[in-house]
């Protein structure tokens, strides 16, 4: 689940021209230190350089190219850059540093007290959109919606749908509503709810798709998470404290068929290592025709099944 990072190496000091540090050398230094960090969660080594360059563009307020690398920097700019680089070295996610993330073409505001959306969740939205477009005036429900990425992506792509995002955390619902207003996605509403309990009763057996990205880290595995996740994400967005990480998946499996239309879909995002056990949980809850859906890296990300 967590990508390994390189062993620690002492960074070389940036070279200087006439006593002034050059941008390229500061980027090289930041790349080495991010790569060596035991706090940052890097799925590939090249991400360290990409993060350093994006931070530099945030500080400088412009896109940087090869011609910029030999440019000297003022002392004030150097200090700002190094302070921002240090935040990433200490494990703060890049999305939190910049305050937003792009998800399916939507720029979402993020905050430290709400789970930061991941690009890997785009598959969940894609699969929901594909199924909803086949239906007339469809209804979609996104459970544990967080900042609202999946619900808003679905609402934006299927304007004729009614989309409801649910989250037990008031701060998440507030942020999701703010994102919806700013993006002017008017067919999505957000409600505070413990799982499906907050849905309007008239929607029983009327929902076409339920999406769910549960907190699936087992309680005893919390201590193994890198600092980027353990220190910067709300703990309730990481684990339901069950022994296998599937406590809330069991909860959804028990409730989903009471809300779904016959043939309606449940789409659940889990770690690839949980795909088989989560499939068994959903099947015991009455979900049928279960299948695994893989992302562009050929890794199972989403489990899909239908209500009887």
Protein backbone atom coordinates (compact mmCIF):
# COMPACT_ATOMS: atom_id res chain seq x y z
CA UNK A 1 0.00 0.00 0.00
CA UNK A 2 2.84 2.40 0.88
CA UNK A 3 5.62 3.01 -1.63
CA UNK A 4 9.14 2.61 -0.24
CA UNK A 5 11.41 5.61 -0.10
CA UNK A 6 15.15 5.81 -0.51
CA UNK A 7 17.54 5.50 2.38
CA UNK A 8 18.73 8.74 3.97
CA UNK A 9 21.53 10.62 2.23
CA UNK A 10 23.14 13.85 3.32
CA UNK A 11 22.24 16.59 0.84
CA UNK A 12 24.97 18.56 -0.86
CA UNK A 13 25.00 22.30 -0.28
CA UNK A 14 23.67 24.35 -3.22
CA UNK A 15 26.31 25.97 -5.43
CA UNK A 16 26.33 29.71 -5.71
CA UNK A 17 27.08 32.30 -8.36
CA UNK A 18 28.65 35.40 -6.93
CA UNK A 19 27.46 34.38 -3.47
CA UNK A 20 23.85 33.83 -4.63
CA UNK A 21 22.21 30.39 -4.80
CA UNK A 22 20.95 29.23 -8.21
CA UNK A 23 17.44 27.87 -8.68
CA UNK A 24 18.66 24.67 -10.31
CA UNK A 25 20.94 23.85 -7.42
CA UNK A 26 18.22 24.54 -4.86
CA UNK A 27 15.93 22.20 -6.82
CA UNK A 28 18.61 19.51 -6.89
CA UNK A 29 19.09 19.85 -3.15
CA UNK A 30 15.33 19.72 -2.46
CA UNK A 31 14.92 16.67 -4.69
CA UNK A 32 17.60 14.76 -2.80
CA UNK A 33 16.15 15.69 0.57
CA UNK A 34 12.55 14.84 -0.36
CA UNK A 35 13.70 11.51 -1.80
CA UNK A 36 15.65 10.76 1.39
CA UNK A 37 12.78 11.78 3.69
CA UNK A 38 11.32 9.07 5.87
CA UNK A 39 8.09 11.10 6.14
CA UNK A 40 7.20 11.67 2.48
CA UNK A 41 5.16 8.97 0.71
CA UNK A 42 6.58 8.73 -2.83
CA UNK A 43 5.08 6.13 -5.13
CA UNK A 44 7.94 6.63 -7.63
CA UNK A 45 11.37 8.29 -7.12
CA UNK A 46 10.76 10.86 -9.87
CA UNK A 47 7.93 12.37 -7.81
CA UNK A 48 10.52 14.02 -5.56
CA UNK A 49 11.73 16.20 -8.44
CA UNK A 50 8.21 16.93 -9.63
CA UNK A 51 7.22 18.05 -6.13
CA UNK A 52 10.27 20.30 -5.81
CA UNK A 53 9.57 21.94 -9.16
CA UNK A 54 5.90 22.51 -8.38
CA UNK A 55 6.78 24.12 -5.05
CA UNK A 56 9.24 26.41 -6.85
CA UNK A 57 6.53 27.43 -9.32
CA UNK A 58 4.18 28.21 -6.43
CA UNK A 59 6.78 30.45 -4.79
CA UNK A 60 7.88 32.14 -8.01
CA UNK A 61 4.34 32.47 -9.37
CA UNK A 62 5.22 31.20 -12.83
CA UNK A 63 6.15 28.12 -14.83
CA UNK A 64 9.85 27.37 -14.76
CA UNK A 65 11.90 26.03 -17.64
CA UNK A 66 15.48 25.01 -18.31
CA UNK A 67 16.50 28.64 -18.84
CA UNK A 68 15.47 29.44 -15.28
CA UNK A 69 17.78 26.92 -13.61
CA UNK A 70 20.90 29.10 -13.85
CA UNK A 71 19.12 32.18 -12.55
CA UNK A 72 20.37 33.55 -9.22
CA UNK A 73 17.81 34.05 -6.46
CA UNK A 74 17.49 36.80 -3.92
CA UNK A 75 18.03 35.92 -0.27
CA UNK A 76 14.32 36.45 0.46
CA UNK A 77 13.21 34.15 -2.36
CA UNK A 78 15.72 31.53 -1.30
CA UNK A 79 14.39 31.57 2.26
CA UNK A 80 10.79 31.22 1.04
CA UNK A 81 11.74 28.33 -1.21
CA UNK A 82 13.68 26.52 1.48
CA UNK A 83 10.85 26.93 3.98
CA UNK A 84 8.35 25.47 1.49
CA UNK A 85 10.71 22.65 0.56
CA UNK A 86 11.11 21.82 4.25
CA UNK A 87 7.35 21.39 4.63
CA UNK A 88 7.44 18.72 1.93
CA UNK A 89 10.55 17.11 3.41
CA UNK A 90 8.71 16.92 6.73
CA UNK A 91 5.97 14.95 4.99
CA UNK A 92 3.27 17.56 4.41
CA UNK A 93 1.37 16.50 1.27
CA UNK A 94 1.85 18.73 -1.74
CA UNK A 95 -1.91 19.28 -2.02
CA UNK A 96 -1.98 20.74 1.50
CA UNK A 97 1.01 22.96 0.79
CA UNK A 98 -0.70 24.51 -2.24
CA UNK A 99 -4.24 24.28 -0.76
CA UNK A 100 -5.95 22.53 -3.67
CA UNK A 101 -5.98 19.45 -5.87
CA UNK A 102 -7.26 18.86 -9.40
CA UNK A 103 -9.69 15.94 -9.60
CA UNK A 104 -11.34 15.02 -12.90
CA UNK A 105 -10.82 18.59 -14.12
CA UNK A 106 -12.26 20.17 -10.96
CA UNK A 107 -10.03 22.23 -8.67
CA UNK A 108 -10.98 21.31 -5.11
CA UNK A 109 -9.94 23.21 -2.02
CA UNK A 110 -8.33 20.95 0.59
CA UNK A 111 -7.74 21.41 4.32
CA UNK A 112 -5.70 19.61 6.91
CA UNK A 113 -8.73 18.50 8.92
CA UNK A 114 -10.39 16.70 5.97
CA UNK A 115 -8.96 13.75 4.03
CA UNK A 116 -7.03 14.89 0.97
CA UNK A 117 -8.41 13.37 -2.26
CA UNK A 118 -6.08 11.10 -4.22
CA UNK A 119 -5.94 10.77 -8.02
CA UNK A 120 -6.43 7.02 -7.54
CA UNK A 121 -10.06 7.74 -6.58
CA UNK A 122 -10.81 9.05 -10.06
CA UNK A 123 -11.54 5.47 -11.12
CA UNK A 124 -14.39 5.39 -8.59
CA UNK A 125 -15.91 8.48 -10.19
CA UNK A 126 -15.33 7.22 -13.74
CA UNK A 127 -17.12 3.95 -13.06
CA UNK A 128 -20.05 5.71 -11.39
CA UNK A 129 -20.39 8.17 -14.28
CA UNK A 130 -20.36 5.36 -16.82
CA UNK A 131 -23.25 3.59 -15.11
CA UNK A 132 -25.31 6.70 -14.39
CA UNK A 133 -25.24 7.93 -17.97
CA UNK A 134 -27.28 4.89 -18.96
CA UNK A 135 -30.18 5.84 -16.67
CA UNK A 136 -32.98 8.37 -16.75
CA UNK A 137 -32.90 10.95 -13.92
CA UNK A 138 -30.47 8.82 -11.90
CA UNK A 139 -29.68 9.11 -8.19
CA UNK A 140 -26.15 8.65 -6.85
CA UNK A 141 -24.94 8.54 -3.25
CA UNK A 142 -21.31 9.01 -2.23
CA UNK A 143 -20.56 7.72 1.28
CA UNK A 144 -17.63 9.16 3.30
CA UNK A 145 -17.49 11.96 0.74
CA UNK A 146 -14.79 14.04 2.47
CA UNK A 147 -14.04 17.17 0.43
CA UNK A 148 -16.55 15.90 -2.15
CA UNK A 149 -14.31 14.82 -5.06
CA UNK A 150 -16.31 11.81 -6.28
CA UNK A 151 -19.73 13.38 -5.70
CA UNK A 152 -18.74 16.59 -7.49
CA UNK A 153 -17.08 14.77 -10.39
CA UNK A 154 -20.22 12.69 -10.86
CA UNK A 155 -22.53 15.70 -10.61
CA UNK A 156 -20.42 17.69 -13.06
CA UNK A 157 -20.32 14.88 -15.63
CA UNK A 158 -23.99 13.83 -15.29
CA UNK A 159 -25.92 17.10 -14.89
CA UNK A 160 -29.27 15.29 -14.96
CA UNK A 161 -28.39 13.24 -11.90
CA UNK A 162 -29.27 13.90 -8.29
CA UNK A 163 -26.11 13.35 -6.26
CA UNK A 164 -25.92 13.20 -2.47
CA UNK A 165 -22.61 13.19 -0.59
CA UNK A 166 -22.64 11.89 2.98
CA UNK A 167 -20.02 12.23 5.70
CA UNK A 168 -20.13 11.83 9.47
CA UNK A 169 -17.71 14.76 9.97
CA UNK A 170 -19.27 18.24 9.99
CA UNK A 171 -16.01 19.82 8.82
CA UNK A 172 -15.95 17.55 5.75
CA UNK A 173 -19.55 18.42 4.85
CA UNK A 174 -18.76 22.13 5.23
CA UNK A 175 -15.72 21.89 2.92
CA UNK A 176 -17.61 19.82 0.34
CA UNK A 177 -20.44 22.36 0.27
CA UNK A 178 -17.91 25.16 -0.18
CA UNK A 179 -16.31 23.31 -3.11
CA UNK A 180 -19.74 22.78 -4.70
CA UNK A 181 -20.62 26.48 -4.44
CA UNK A 182 -17.31 27.64 -5.84
CA UNK A 183 -17.49 25.18 -8.74
CA UNK A 184 -21.20 25.90 -9.33
CA UNK A 185 -22.12 22.22 -9.38
CA UNK A 186 -25.76 22.65 -8.45
CA UNK A 187 -27.07 19.08 -8.64
CA UNK A 188 -25.00 17.84 -5.67
CA UNK A 189 -26.04 18.17 -2.04
CA UNK A 190 -24.03 17.25 1.03
CA UNK A 191 -25.42 15.94 4.31
CA UNK A 192 -23.94 14.99 7.63
CA UNK A 193 -24.70 11.31 8.07
CA UNK A 194 -23.45 8.13 9.71
CA UNK A 195 -23.16 5.97 6.59
CA UNK A 196 -26.60 5.87 4.86
CA UNK A 197 -28.68 6.87 7.88
CA UNK A 198 -29.14 10.48 6.69
CA UNK A 199 -30.69 9.65 3.33
CA UNK A 200 -34.31 10.77 2.76
CA UNK A 201 -36.66 7.84 3.25
CA UNK A 202 -38.36 8.34 -0.17
CA UNK A 203 -35.07 7.26 -1.76
CA UNK A 204 -35.36 3.71 -0.45
CA UNK A 205 -34.95 1.36 -3.44
CA UNK A 206 -34.49 4.42 -5.68
CA UNK A 207 -30.68 4.85 -5.69
CA UNK A 208 -28.84 3.88 -8.87
CA UNK A 209 -25.23 3.98 -7.66
CA UNK A 210 -23.57 4.06 -4.24
CA UNK A 211 -19.87 4.93 -4.17
CA UNK A 212 -17.69 4.44 -1.11
CA UNK A 213 -14.03 5.04 -0.34
CA UNK A 214 -13.87 3.71 3.22
CA UNK A 215 -11.13 4.19 5.79
CA UNK A 216 -9.66 0.73 5.29
CA UNK A 217 -6.40 0.72 7.29
CA UNK A 218 -6.69 -1.92 10.01
CA UNK A 219 -6.36 -0.50 13.52
CA UNK A 220 -3.08 -2.26 14.25
CA UNK A 221 -1.55 -0.99 10.98
CA UNK A 222 -1.80 2.72 11.83
CA UNK A 223 1.67 2.73 13.32
CA UNK A 224 3.16 1.47 10.03
CA UNK A 225 1.92 4.42 7.94
CA UNK A 226 4.42 7.02 6.70
CA UNK A 227 4.34 10.45 8.30
CA UNK A 228 2.74 12.01 5.24
CA UNK A 229 -0.39 10.00 5.98
CA UNK A 230 -0.30 9.40 9.74
CA UNK A 231 0.55 13.00 10.70
CA UNK A 232 -1.45 14.94 8.13
CA UNK A 233 -4.72 13.04 7.66
CA UNK A 234 -7.56 12.81 10.22
CA UNK A 235 -7.30 9.40 11.85
CA UNK A 236 -11.00 8.67 11.31
CA UNK A 237 -10.46 9.04 7.56
CA UNK A 238 -7.79 6.31 7.67
CA UNK A 239 -9.25 3.58 9.87
CA UNK A 240 -12.50 2.34 11.36
CA UNK A 241 -10.26 0.60 13.95
CA UNK A 242 -11.51 -2.84 12.95
CA UNK A 243 -9.00 -5.69 12.95
CA UNK A 244 -9.14 -6.07 9.15
CA UNK A 245 -10.05 -2.56 7.98
CA UNK A 246 -13.41 -3.70 6.62
CA UNK A 247 -15.76 -2.75 9.46
CA UNK A 248 -17.50 0.00 7.49
CA UNK A 249 -17.58 -2.11 4.33
CA UNK A 250 -19.57 -4.67 6.32
CA UNK A 251 -21.85 -1.85 7.51
CA UNK A 252 -22.46 -0.71 3.93
CA UNK A 253 -23.05 -4.27 2.74
CA UNK A 254 -25.77 -4.68 5.35
CA UNK A 255 -27.54 -1.43 4.34
CA UNK A 256 -26.99 -0.96 0.62
CA UNK A 257 -29.67 -3.23 -0.83
CA UNK A 258 -32.38 -1.41 1.15
CA UNK A 259 -31.58 1.77 -0.82
CA UNK A 260 -30.56 0.54 -4.25
CA UNK A 261 -32.91 -0.05 -7.14
CA UNK A 262 -32.94 -3.63 -8.42
CA UNK A 263 -29.77 -3.81 -10.49
CA UNK A 264 -28.34 -0.69 -8.85
CA UNK A 265 -24.59 -0.60 -8.31
CA UNK A 266 -22.28 -0.54 -5.32
CA UNK A 267 -18.77 0.72 -6.10
CA UNK A 268 -16.19 0.42 -3.31
CA UNK A 269 -12.58 1.60 -3.46
CA UNK A 270 -10.18 -0.45 -1.34
CA UNK A 271 -6.48 -1.24 -1.24
CA UNK A 272 -5.57 -3.98 -3.75
CA UNK A 273 -4.53 -6.30 -0.92
CA UNK A 274 -8.12 -6.17 0.43
CA UNK A 275 -9.94 -6.88 -2.82
CA UNK A 276 -10.63 -10.55 -2.17
CA UNK A 277 -11.78 -10.19 1.44
CA UNK A 278 -13.88 -7.08 0.66
CA UNK A 279 -15.55 -8.98 -2.19
CA UNK A 280 -16.53 -11.72 0.25
CA UNK A 281 -17.97 -9.13 2.66
CA UNK A 282 -20.10 -7.53 -0.05
CA UNK A 283 -21.30 -10.90 -1.31
CA UNK A 284 -22.45 -11.90 2.18
CA UNK A 285 -24.41 -8.64 2.32
CA UNK A 286 -26.42 -9.65 -0.74
CA UNK A 287 -24.47 -7.82 -3.45
CA UNK A 288 -24.21 -9.97 -6.57
CA UNK A 289 -22.21 -10.12 -9.81
CA UNK A 290 -19.14 -8.72 -8.10
CA UNK A 291 -16.11 -7.86 -10.18
CA UNK A 292 -12.76 -6.14 -9.72
CA UNK A 293 -11.99 -3.01 -11.74
CA UNK A 294 -8.38 -2.03 -12.37
CA UNK A 295 -6.76 1.34 -12.92
CA UNK A 296 -4.24 2.33 -15.58
CA UNK A 297 -1.49 0.58 -13.62
CA UNK A 298 -3.43 -2.73 -13.78
CA UNK A 299 -4.05 -2.59 -10.03
CA UNK A 300 -7.45 -3.42 -8.55
CA UNK A 301 -8.87 -0.23 -7.10
CA UNK A 302 -12.66 -0.59 -7.24
CA UNK A 303 -15.03 -3.44 -6.52
CA UNK A 304 -18.36 -3.30 -8.39
CA UNK A 305 -21.51 -5.29 -7.66
CA UNK A 306 -25.27 -5.06 -8.11
CA UNK A 307 -28.33 -5.22 -5.89
CA UNK A 308 -30.73 -8.11 -6.53
